[in-house]
Each structure stands twice: as C-alpha cells, then as structure tokens.
Amino acid sequence: AVPLSSAKFHTSILTQSLPSSSSRSFSVGKRFCCSSSSTSMEHHESKFKEFPYASVPHRELMVELVSTVENRLGESLLPCTLPSHVQYFENESATAHASLYVRSGNSSSQVDFILGSWVHCNLPTGGALNITSLSVYLRPSTDAPNFLIEVIQSSPTTLILILDLPPRKDLVQHPDYLKTFYEETQLDKQRQLLEKLPEVKPYFSSSLYIRALVSPSAILVSIETDPSQAIRIDEIIQDHISPVAKVMLDTWLNLCACTERRLTDDESKDLAKRDQIIKNKTIEIDLESSFPRLFGQQVANQVLGVLREIYNS
C-alpha cells in the first residue's frame, strides 16, 4: 500500500490481512556532476525520515539510503513540496499511519523524482504490518534502470525484501543493455549472498504482471527466523541486507543516475509511454484498492489525487 512500483508486490498481503477502513542509437557518454554536498530540508519533511515503527537497524538502513541518494544528487533535486496532509496521514481510528516523501529532479536532471514512504498498520491478529520503501524514477532522456527497495515486515520474525534495478528496455531485444546493467555489474552475486542464509527463501509474487517488471538479478526474498530469536531479523538487516542494498544503490548512482545515455527522439517517446503505463498500473491495480482499506475513502482520495499529479506530470 505504498505509492511505488514495488507496491504491487504485496497487494495480496494487504487484501488478506487488513480490515476494511471507515533502430536504436544510444551511446554511453559523459557523467553528470553528482554533488556530494547535502541539500537543505524543510522542517516538516523530517517525519518521513523518522521511520518511527522500524527497528534500529532497519531505520538506519533506510535513512542512509535516502541520505546517500540526496547527497549524491545534490542540487539536482528540488525540495519536497508535498502538502502536509500527504506528507503524513492516518485513518480515523489511528490504527494505520503513513508518511510520503517526494523530491523532483530539476530541469537539467535525469531524475524524474524520488519517492519514499513508510506505512504502519495494526493487524486483526494483534501484530502490525510495517513497510518502508524508496524508489527513484529516471526521465525518458535516459533508458537506464530505475531503483527500488521495499522492506515489508508483518511480524518481528518475518520479512520480505524487494530490491532491484528494474529494467526499462526489453532484455531480449537489447542484449547489450542486459550486459551493461546486470552482467558486467555482477548484481546477481548480491542476490546469491543473501540466499546463502538458511533463513532466506525466494519470494514469488502471485501476479505474473509483476514478475515481468523486475530484472533477472532482482532480489525478492522472504526471511523467517525462529520465534525465539526475533533479534536475528535485525542481525540479518544489519550484517547482510544493508551491505547488499548499499552496493546496489552505489551501482545505480554511478551507472544509471549519474551517467548520460543519449537516445533518439523516437526512443525517448517510446520509453516515456512505457514508463507512464507502469506508473498508471501502480495506481490502478494496487493503490486504488488498498489505500481506501487502510485509510478510508476520504483520506485515500486526497493522497491519491496528489500522487496522480506526480505520476502524470
């Protein structure tokens, strides 16, 4: 129930668990200047970065990923201008809370926008569902992959991790794209590192559409520890998930966000159409059903209205 491309992965979790709420010619060229200096924030934007319902290792990971993106992209990102009622919102019974964070790229940036969120919802079973996520969308001036990470925790001993550089071109038709972003970067080794852990198992979305969106090196795993060892989840986040996520983000920043890939006008137009389809599907197949269940129709309408403007701008 978060406004990211990854949101659709856990639609089944929400619907089952939650109560109803009242000729191509591109070339790799120069690198963009990605600043290492931090960018000033509005005081009310700190709510997102608090990640109040995440454990310490989980919170530290998300804060570091967001800060790394902002520091590297520097002044190419505009300040967050979301209205306060969209930056933080909850349902009438205060059993579901969420925070959204959006920063658009300026006119010279390849970044369309970064979008982060956290969602906390009490479950009928007595537990809670906590979701944190960060996505970065690129403009159709480049065909490089986007970035996404989502951590879904429905108990102290269970976790689903979605971490990927989703491709924006067909990998069969463009084998050099596969080679550049997935083979030469050896991203698949990061997935293999996690899958060596005995607590880690592959996670399969029930949606075939979703499976078609991710890359061959996508990390989609479920992690379950012994009920008597709840601390093990935090150890896995700190010692295993965090290093892998940082490697993948660094790869994305260096190769995708900060490197120009020149496209023809026709290629950019085709890519823009593809990007828009995926954004529209995010709203259509997940958020329009899950947000009303979580936050009620009135709040959902307000938030989704703002998100549609962002996704269609």
Protein backbone atom coordinates (compact mmCIF):
# COMPACT_ATOMS: atom_id res chain seq x y z
CA ALA A 1 0.00 0.00 0.00
CA VAL A 2 2.79 2.42 -0.87
CA PRO A 3 2.97 4.56 -4.00
CA LEU A 4 5.91 2.87 -5.62
CA SER A 5 6.32 0.44 -8.47
CA SER A 6 7.12 -2.10 -5.78
CA ALA A 7 3.80 -1.53 -4.05
CA LYS A 8 2.03 -4.07 -6.19
CA PHE A 9 4.16 -6.88 -4.81
CA HIS A 10 2.31 -7.03 -1.52
CA THR A 11 -1.26 -6.42 -2.66
CA SER A 12 -2.16 -9.94 -1.57
CA ILE A 13 -0.73 -9.32 1.89
CA LEU A 14 -2.94 -6.27 2.33
CA THR A 15 -6.15 -7.71 0.95
CA GLN A 16 -5.83 -10.87 3.02
CA SER A 17 -4.62 -9.31 6.28
CA LEU A 18 -6.22 -5.91 6.67
CA PRO A 19 -9.67 -4.97 7.90
CA SER A 20 -11.77 -2.56 5.90
CA SER A 21 -11.29 1.06 6.95
CA SER A 22 -14.30 3.61 7.74
CA SER A 23 16.59 1.40 -34.54
CA ARG A 24 18.19 2.45 -31.63
CA SER A 25 21.20 4.66 -31.39
CA PHE A 26 22.19 5.34 -27.83
CA SER A 27 25.68 5.81 -26.50
CA VAL A 28 27.19 5.98 -23.06
CA GLY A 29 28.55 9.47 -22.66
CA LYS A 30 29.71 11.91 -20.04
CA ARG A 31 28.93 11.53 -16.36
CA PHE A 32 26.68 14.08 -14.77
CA CYS A 33 28.11 16.04 -11.88
CA CYS A 34 26.53 14.39 -8.83
CA SER A 35 27.24 16.58 -5.86
CA SER A 36 28.40 15.12 -2.56
CA SER A 37 27.03 18.04 -0.58
CA SER A 38 23.79 17.71 1.37
CA THR A 39 20.67 19.67 0.46
CA SER A 40 18.65 21.69 2.96
CA MET A 41 15.30 20.23 4.07
CA GLU A 42 12.09 21.82 5.26
CA HIS A 43 11.47 21.15 8.95
CA HIS A 44 8.24 19.25 8.31
CA GLU A 45 9.94 16.76 6.00
CA SER A 46 11.67 15.04 8.90
CA LYS A 47 8.56 12.94 9.65
CA PHE A 48 9.37 10.59 6.79
CA LYS A 49 12.97 10.14 7.87
CA GLU A 50 11.99 9.21 11.41
CA PHE A 51 10.76 5.74 10.35
CA PRO A 52 9.19 5.51 13.82
CA TYR A 53 7.95 1.93 13.62
CA ALA A 54 11.12 0.36 12.21
CA SER A 55 13.77 -1.32 14.33
CA VAL A 56 17.08 0.49 14.77
CA PRO A 57 18.99 -1.43 12.04
CA HIS A 58 16.02 -1.13 9.69
CA ARG A 59 15.68 2.61 10.33
CA GLU A 60 19.43 3.21 9.96
CA LEU A 61 19.45 1.40 6.62
CA MET A 62 16.58 3.44 5.17
CA VAL A 63 17.94 6.75 6.46
CA GLU A 64 21.36 6.00 4.97
CA LEU A 65 19.91 5.03 1.58
CA VAL A 66 17.77 8.18 1.38
CA SER A 67 20.66 10.38 2.53
CA THR A 68 23.04 8.79 0.04
CA VAL A 69 20.67 9.48 -2.85
CA GLU A 70 20.11 13.08 -1.77
CA ASN A 71 23.77 13.80 -1.11
CA ARG A 72 24.94 12.33 -4.41
CA LEU A 73 22.26 14.05 -6.48
CA GLY A 74 22.66 17.28 -4.54
CA GLU A 75 21.18 20.41 -6.07
CA SER A 76 19.72 18.49 -9.00
CA LEU A 77 16.83 17.64 -6.63
CA LEU A 78 14.18 20.18 -5.76
CA PRO A 79 12.83 20.46 -2.19
CA CYS A 80 9.87 18.36 -1.12
CA THR A 81 6.66 20.31 -1.76
CA LEU A 82 4.02 17.78 -0.76
CA PRO A 83 1.17 19.27 1.28
CA SER A 84 1.36 18.44 4.97
CA HIS A 85 -1.72 16.19 4.86
CA VAL A 86 0.06 13.98 2.30
CA GLN A 87 3.45 14.01 3.97
CA TYR A 88 1.79 12.37 6.97
CA PHE A 89 -1.69 10.87 7.30
CA GLU A 90 -3.63 8.28 9.29
CA ASN A 91 -7.08 6.72 9.45
CA GLU A 92 -9.88 7.81 11.81
CA SER A 93 -9.12 5.11 14.37
CA ALA A 94 -5.37 5.84 14.31
CA THR A 95 -4.62 2.18 13.56
CA ALA A 96 -2.93 2.98 10.24
CA HIS A 97 -0.28 5.65 9.71
CA ALA A 98 1.82 6.64 6.72
CA SER A 99 4.34 9.18 5.55
CA LEU A 100 5.25 10.09 1.98
CA TYR A 101 8.26 11.96 0.67
CA VAL A 102 8.79 13.22 -2.89
CA ARG A 103 11.58 15.28 -4.39
CA SER A 104 11.52 16.00 -8.10
CA GLY A 105 14.57 16.47 -10.25
CA ASN A 106 15.27 19.92 -11.68
CA SER A 107 15.05 20.60 -15.41
CA SER A 108 18.64 19.51 -16.09
CA SER A 109 18.48 16.30 -14.05
CA GLN A 110 17.96 12.80 -15.40
CA VAL A 111 15.97 12.03 -12.24
CA ASP A 112 12.23 12.38 -12.59
CA PHE A 113 11.57 12.08 -8.86
CA ILE A 114 12.49 10.14 -5.75
CA LEU A 115 9.63 8.75 -3.73
CA GLY A 116 9.90 7.31 -0.26
CA SER A 117 7.30 6.09 2.20
CA TRP A 118 6.62 4.22 5.35
CA VAL A 119 3.33 2.58 6.32
CA HIS A 120 2.33 1.15 9.69
CA CYS A 121 -0.92 -0.73 10.21
CA ASN A 122 -2.23 -2.73 13.15
CA LEU A 123 -3.39 -6.17 12.07
CA PRO A 124 -6.51 -8.01 13.30
CA THR A 125 -4.23 -10.80 14.53
CA GLY A 126 -2.69 -8.44 17.07
CA GLY A 127 0.55 -7.78 15.21
CA ALA A 128 1.44 -4.97 12.87
CA LEU A 129 2.42 -4.52 9.24
CA ASN A 130 5.36 -2.18 8.67
CA ILE A 131 6.50 -1.21 5.20
CA THR A 132 9.36 1.09 4.24
CA SER A 133 10.29 1.88 0.68
CA LEU A 134 12.35 4.07 -1.60
CA SER A 135 12.12 4.36 -5.38
CA VAL A 136 13.91 6.63 -7.81
CA TYR A 137 12.42 7.15 -11.26
CA LEU A 138 14.51 8.40 -14.18
CA ARG A 139 13.27 10.54 -17.05
CA PRO A 140 12.95 9.23 -20.62
CA SER A 141 16.06 11.21 -21.53
CA THR A 142 17.88 8.06 -20.39
CA ASP A 143 16.92 4.40 -20.69
CA ALA A 144 18.89 3.34 -17.61
CA PRO A 145 17.05 1.28 -14.95
CA ASN A 146 15.21 2.80 -12.02
CA PHE A 147 15.98 1.90 -8.40
CA LEU A 148 13.68 0.43 -5.77
CA ILE A 149 13.86 -1.09 -2.34
CA GLU A 150 10.96 -2.17 -0.17
CA VAL A 151 11.05 -3.89 3.21
CA ILE A 152 7.80 -5.48 4.36
CA GLN A 153 7.65 -6.78 7.92
CA SER A 154 4.48 -8.40 9.25
CA SER A 155 5.96 -9.76 12.49
CA PRO A 156 9.20 -9.48 14.49
CA THR A 157 10.43 -12.70 12.87
CA THR A 158 9.26 -12.38 9.24
CA LEU A 159 10.33 -10.02 6.49
CA ILE A 160 10.03 -9.64 2.72
CA LEU A 161 12.74 -7.77 0.84
CA ILE A 162 12.31 -6.38 -2.67
CA LEU A 163 15.47 -4.81 -4.08
CA ASP A 164 16.05 -4.22 -7.75
CA LEU A 165 17.16 -2.04 -10.63
CA PRO A 166 14.05 -2.59 -12.78
CA PRO A 167 14.88 -2.56 -16.50
CA ARG A 168 13.25 -0.06 -18.82
CA LYS A 169 14.01 -1.91 -22.04
CA ASP A 170 13.36 -5.43 -23.30
CA LEU A 171 16.39 -7.52 -22.38
CA VAL A 172 15.92 -10.00 -25.22
CA GLN A 173 15.85 -7.34 -27.90
CA HIS A 174 18.70 -5.40 -26.28
CA PRO A 175 21.31 -7.86 -25.00
CA ASP A 176 23.89 -5.09 -24.54
CA TYR A 177 21.51 -3.48 -22.03
CA LEU A 178 21.50 -6.76 -20.09
CA LYS A 179 25.28 -6.89 -20.28
CA THR A 180 25.84 -3.28 -19.20
CA PHE A 181 23.49 -3.11 -16.23
CA TYR A 182 23.26 -6.68 -14.96
CA GLU A 183 26.09 -8.89 -16.21
CA GLU A 184 29.09 -6.56 -16.01
CA THR A 185 27.92 -5.16 -12.68
CA GLN A 186 27.60 -8.70 -11.29
CA LEU A 187 24.43 -7.73 -9.44
CA ASP A 188 23.33 -11.34 -9.32
CA LYS A 189 26.09 -12.03 -6.80
CA GLN A 190 24.30 -9.78 -4.31
CA ARG A 191 21.19 -11.94 -4.51
CA GLN A 192 23.31 -15.07 -4.12
CA LEU A 193 24.91 -13.67 -0.97
CA LEU A 194 21.52 -13.34 0.70
CA GLU A 195 20.21 -16.68 -0.49
CA LYS A 196 23.09 -18.46 1.24
CA LEU A 197 21.48 -17.65 4.59
CA PRO A 198 19.34 -20.52 5.93
CA GLU A 199 16.54 -18.11 6.91
CA VAL A 200 16.20 -16.75 3.37
CA LYS A 201 13.88 -18.19 0.74
CA PRO A 202 12.78 -16.87 -2.68
CA TYR A 203 9.62 -14.77 -2.68
CA PHE A 204 7.22 -15.12 -5.61
CA SER A 205 4.54 -12.57 -6.35
CA SER A 206 1.18 -14.05 -7.27
CA SER A 207 0.99 -11.56 -10.15
CA LEU A 208 2.57 -12.62 -13.43
CA TYR A 209 2.48 -8.97 -14.50
CA ILE A 210 4.70 -8.07 -11.55
CA ARG A 211 7.16 -10.84 -12.32
CA ALA A 212 7.52 -9.39 -15.83
CA LEU A 213 8.63 -6.00 -14.49
CA VAL A 214 11.69 -6.97 -12.48
CA SER A 215 15.21 -7.68 -13.67
CA PRO A 216 16.83 -11.14 -13.78
CA SER A 217 19.00 -10.11 -10.83
CA ALA A 218 16.13 -8.80 -8.70
CA ILE A 219 16.24 -9.69 -5.03
CA LEU A 220 12.81 -10.95 -3.99
CA VAL A 221 13.20 -12.93 -0.80
CA SER A 222 11.27 -13.82 2.32
CA ILE A 223 13.12 -14.14 5.60
CA GLU A 224 11.78 -16.04 8.59
CA THR A 225 13.58 -16.68 11.84
CA ASP A 226 12.78 -18.83 14.84
CA PRO A 227 10.14 -17.19 17.09
CA SER A 228 12.58 -17.41 19.99
CA GLN A 229 15.22 -15.44 18.04
CA ALA A 230 13.47 -12.25 17.00
CA ILE A 231 16.77 -10.38 17.25
CA ARG A 232 18.05 -12.46 14.33
CA ILE A 233 16.00 -10.37 11.86
CA ASP A 234 17.82 -7.23 12.97
CA GLU A 235 21.15 -9.01 12.64
CA ILE A 236 20.30 -10.05 9.09
CA ILE A 237 19.27 -6.48 8.21
CA GLN A 238 22.47 -5.01 9.66
CA ASP A 239 25.01 -7.63 8.56
CA HIS A 240 23.58 -8.84 5.26
CA ILE A 241 20.75 -6.75 3.77
CA SER A 242 22.40 -3.40 4.46
CA PRO A 243 25.71 -4.17 2.67
CA VAL A 244 23.87 -5.62 -0.34
CA ALA A 245 21.49 -2.65 -0.59
CA LYS A 246 24.37 -0.18 -0.42
CA VAL A 247 26.26 -1.96 -3.20
CA MET A 248 23.20 -1.95 -5.43
CA LEU A 249 22.42 1.70 -4.74
CA ASP A 250 26.03 2.73 -5.39
CA THR A 251 25.96 0.79 -8.66
CA TRP A 252 22.75 2.54 -9.66
CA LEU A 253 24.04 6.00 -8.78
CA ASN A 254 27.29 5.57 -10.70
CA LEU A 255 25.95 3.78 -13.75
CA CYS A 256 22.36 4.99 -14.07
CA ALA A 257 21.67 8.30 -12.33
CA CYS A 258 25.00 9.99 -12.99
CA THR A 259 25.84 8.75 -16.48
CA GLU A 260 24.24 10.13 -19.61
CA ARG A 261 22.85 7.76 -22.23
CA ARG A 262 21.89 9.61 -25.40
CA LEU A 263 18.67 8.48 -27.04
CA THR A 264 16.94 9.41 -30.25
CA ASP A 265 13.68 11.34 -30.07
CA ASP A 266 11.73 8.24 -31.07
CA GLU A 267 13.42 6.15 -28.38
CA SER A 268 12.61 8.75 -25.73
CA LYS A 269 8.96 8.91 -26.82
CA ASP A 270 8.61 5.10 -26.69
CA LEU A 271 10.28 4.99 -23.30
CA ALA A 272 8.01 7.72 -21.94
CA LYS A 273 4.96 5.70 -23.00
CA ARG A 274 6.29 2.58 -21.28
CA ASP A 275 7.14 4.48 -18.09
CA GLN A 276 3.66 6.01 -17.96
CA ILE A 277 1.96 2.63 -18.34
CA ILE A 278 3.84 1.29 -15.34
CA LYS A 279 3.06 4.36 -13.23
CA ASN A 280 -0.63 4.14 -14.12
CA LYS A 281 -0.69 0.43 -13.26
CA THR A 282 0.76 1.22 -9.85
CA ILE A 283 -2.25 3.38 -9.08
CA GLU A 284 -4.78 1.14 -10.81
CA ILE A 285 -4.02 -2.35 -9.54
CA ASP A 286 -2.82 -1.62 -6.04
CA LEU A 287 -3.35 1.80 -4.53
CA GLU A 288 -6.97 2.35 -5.56
CA SER A 289 -7.96 -0.76 -3.62
CA SER A 290 -5.53 -0.82 -0.71
CA PHE A 291 -5.49 2.85 0.29
CA PRO A 292 -9.25 3.06 1.00
CA ARG A 293 -8.98 -0.14 3.07
CA LEU A 294 -6.14 1.33 5.08
CA PHE A 295 -7.11 4.97 5.49
CA GLY A 296 -10.73 5.38 4.45
CA GLN A 297 -12.07 6.77 1.19
CA GLN A 298 -11.71 10.46 2.02
CA VAL A 299 -8.06 10.29 3.00
CA ALA A 300 -7.33 7.90 0.13
CA ASN A 301 -8.87 10.31 -2.39
CA GLN A 302 -6.76 13.20 -1.10
CA VAL A 303 -3.50 11.26 -1.19
CA LEU A 304 -4.15 9.51 -4.49
CA GLY A 305 -5.09 12.82 -6.12
CA VAL A 306 -1.67 14.24 -5.28
CA LEU A 307 0.10 11.05 -6.36
CA ARG A 308 -1.68 11.04 -9.72
CA GLU A 309 -0.42 14.57 -10.34
CA ILE A 310 3.14 13.47 -9.55
CA TYR A 311 2.95 10.33 -11.66
CA ASN A 312 1.44 12.18 -14.63
CA SER A 313 3.50 15.36 -14.53
